[in-house]
Protein backbone atom coordinates (compact mmCIF):
# COMPACT_ATOMS: atom_id res chain seq x y z
CA MET A 1 29.23 -28.21 -24.78
CA ALA A 2 26.69 -26.69 -22.42
CA PHE A 3 24.22 -28.97 -20.75
CA PHE A 4 22.80 -26.34 -18.45
CA ARG A 5 21.05 -23.27 -19.61
CA ARG A 6 20.65 -20.27 -17.39
CA ARG A 7 17.06 -19.46 -16.75
CA VAL A 8 15.40 -16.62 -14.97
CA SER A 9 13.81 -17.78 -11.76
CA ARG A 10 10.33 -16.92 -10.57
CA GLU A 11 11.90 -14.85 -7.83
CA ALA A 12 13.74 -12.74 -10.40
CA ASP A 13 10.49 -12.13 -12.27
CA ARG A 14 8.76 -11.08 -9.06
CA TYR A 15 11.78 -8.93 -8.16
CA HIS A 16 11.62 -7.02 -11.44
CA ALA A 17 7.86 -6.57 -11.10
CA ASP A 18 8.37 -5.24 -7.58
CA GLN A 19 11.00 -2.80 -8.86
CA GLU A 20 8.47 -1.35 -11.28
CA THR A 21 5.70 -1.19 -8.69
CA GLY A 22 7.92 0.25 -5.98
CA GLY A 23 9.25 2.94 -8.27
CA ASN A 24 5.85 4.68 -8.15
CA PHE A 25 5.80 4.89 -4.35
CA GLY A 26 6.40 8.64 -4.12
CA ALA A 27 3.65 9.52 -6.59
CA LEU A 28 1.19 7.12 -4.95
CA LEU A 29 1.94 8.51 -1.50
CA GLU A 30 1.34 12.02 -2.82
CA GLN A 31 -2.02 10.90 -4.26
CA ALA A 32 -2.94 9.52 -0.84
CA ARG A 33 -2.06 12.84 0.78
CA GLU A 34 -4.21 14.69 -1.76
CA ALA A 35 -7.13 12.30 -1.15
CA GLU A 36 -6.78 12.83 2.61
CA GLN A 37 -6.76 16.60 2.14
CA ALA A 38 -9.88 16.37 -0.05
CA LEU A 39 -11.65 14.33 2.63
CA ARG A 40 -10.71 16.84 5.35
CA THR A 41 -11.89 19.72 3.18
CA LYS A 42 -15.26 18.04 2.61
CA ARG A 43 -15.64 17.34 6.32
CA ALA A 44 -14.87 20.96 7.17
CA ALA A 45 -17.37 22.19 4.57
CA GLY A 46 -20.12 20.01 6.02
CA ALA A 47 -20.62 17.80 2.98
CA SER A 48 -23.34 15.16 2.84
CA ALA A 49 -22.79 11.60 4.02
CA GLU A 50 -22.68 10.33 0.41
CA GLU A 51 -19.93 12.78 -0.52
CA LEU A 52 -17.97 11.91 2.63
CA ARG A 53 -18.31 8.20 1.86
CA GLU A 54 -17.11 8.75 -1.70
CA ALA A 55 -14.09 10.74 -0.49
CA GLY A 56 -13.39 8.13 2.20
CA LEU A 57 -13.44 5.31 -0.33
CA ALA A 58 -11.11 7.30 -2.60
CA LEU A 59 -8.68 7.71 0.30
CA ASP A 60 -8.91 4.00 1.09
CA GLN A 61 -8.07 3.15 -2.53
CA ALA A 62 -5.13 5.59 -2.55
CA LEU A 63 -3.80 4.18 0.74
CA THR A 64 -4.10 0.63 -0.58
CA GLU A 65 -2.13 1.49 -3.73
CA ALA A 66 0.56 3.28 -1.68
CA LEU A 67 0.76 0.28 0.66
CA LYS A 68 1.21 -2.12 -2.26
CA ALA A 69 4.03 0.05 -3.61
CA ALA A 70 5.69 0.26 -0.18
CA GLU A 71 5.51 -3.52 0.23
CA ALA A 72 7.09 -3.94 -3.21
CA LYS A 73 9.81 -1.44 -2.33
CA GLN A 74 10.43 -3.33 0.91
CA ARG A 75 10.80 -6.65 -0.93
CA VAL A 76 13.23 -5.06 -3.39
CA THR A 77 15.24 -3.60 -0.51
CA LEU A 78 15.39 -6.96 1.26
CA GLY A 79 16.82 -8.56 -1.86
CA LEU A 80 16.29 -11.47 -4.18
CA LYS A 81 17.21 -14.17 -1.66
CA ALA A 82 14.60 -12.91 0.79
CA TYR A 83 11.71 -13.97 -1.42
CA ASP A 84 11.97 -17.63 -0.43
CA ASP A 85 14.39 -17.72 2.49
CA ARG A 86 12.95 -16.49 5.79
CA ILE A 87 16.37 -16.24 7.41
CA ALA A 88 17.68 -14.03 4.61
CA ARG A 89 14.50 -11.95 4.95
CA ARG A 90 15.04 -11.60 8.70
CA LYS A 91 18.68 -10.59 8.26
CA ALA A 92 17.76 -8.05 5.60
CA ARG A 93 15.11 -6.50 7.85
CA ALA A 94 17.81 -5.92 10.47
CA THR A 95 19.71 -3.55 8.17
CA PRO A 96 18.94 0.18 8.46
CA GLU A 97 17.36 0.32 5.00
CA GLY A 98 15.30 -2.82 5.62
CA ALA A 99 14.11 -1.51 8.98
CA LYS A 100 13.13 1.79 7.38
CA TRP A 101 10.89 0.12 4.79
CA THR A 102 9.46 -2.32 7.33
CA ALA A 103 8.45 0.61 9.53
CA GLU A 104 6.97 2.46 6.54
CA VAL A 105 4.87 -0.57 5.53
CA SER A 106 3.68 -0.97 9.12
CA ARG A 107 2.80 2.73 9.35
CA LEU A 108 0.80 2.68 6.12
CA ARG A 109 -0.98 -0.54 7.05
CA THR A 110 -1.97 0.91 10.43
CA LEU A 111 -3.14 4.15 8.82
CA ARG A 112 -5.26 2.28 6.27
CA GLU A 113 -6.85 0.00 8.88
CA GLU A 114 -7.61 2.94 11.18
CA HIS A 115 -9.21 4.77 8.27
CA ARG A 116 -11.28 1.71 7.36
CA LEU A 117 -12.56 1.45 10.93
CA THR A 118 -13.36 5.10 11.58
CA GLY A 119 -12.89 7.24 8.45
CA ILE A 120 -15.41 5.94 5.93
CA ALA A 121 -18.85 7.43 6.43
CA ARG A 122 -21.76 5.01 6.56
CA VAL A 123 -24.88 5.69 4.57
CA PRO A 124 -28.15 3.80 4.88
CA ARG A 125 -29.08 1.51 2.01
CA ALA A 126 -31.90 2.65 -0.27
CA GLY A 127 -34.18 -0.27 0.63
CA VAL A 128 -33.75 0.17 4.36
CA ALA A 129 -34.30 3.94 4.37
CA GLY A 130 -37.80 3.65 2.90
CA ARG A 131 -39.22 1.46 5.67
């Protein structure tokens, strides 16, 4: 007679969702590289500020998606116990694989923030330009 029934924990659900999200990391990183190349091409061609802003926003979106996938891949690498236990998370980050994904997440986050600060062209608003 079984009184206890095995149930899937919230952490396991998040873990499986992270596995799916992290599996797309390579494709998302490639999309970010293509968006960056498109932005550089438009800058070299002397495109208008609106076109540069559009390309900059596309790169920001691609970097954000790649960052989300890298964070998911990092959580999967750190393991199921690391979702709620900070000590397990710290120990898992000390492994070579954990350190690799932690560095990748940090690199992508820095790249995205630098792009947000300096890479997105500013255009005047329509109401302000007419004054």
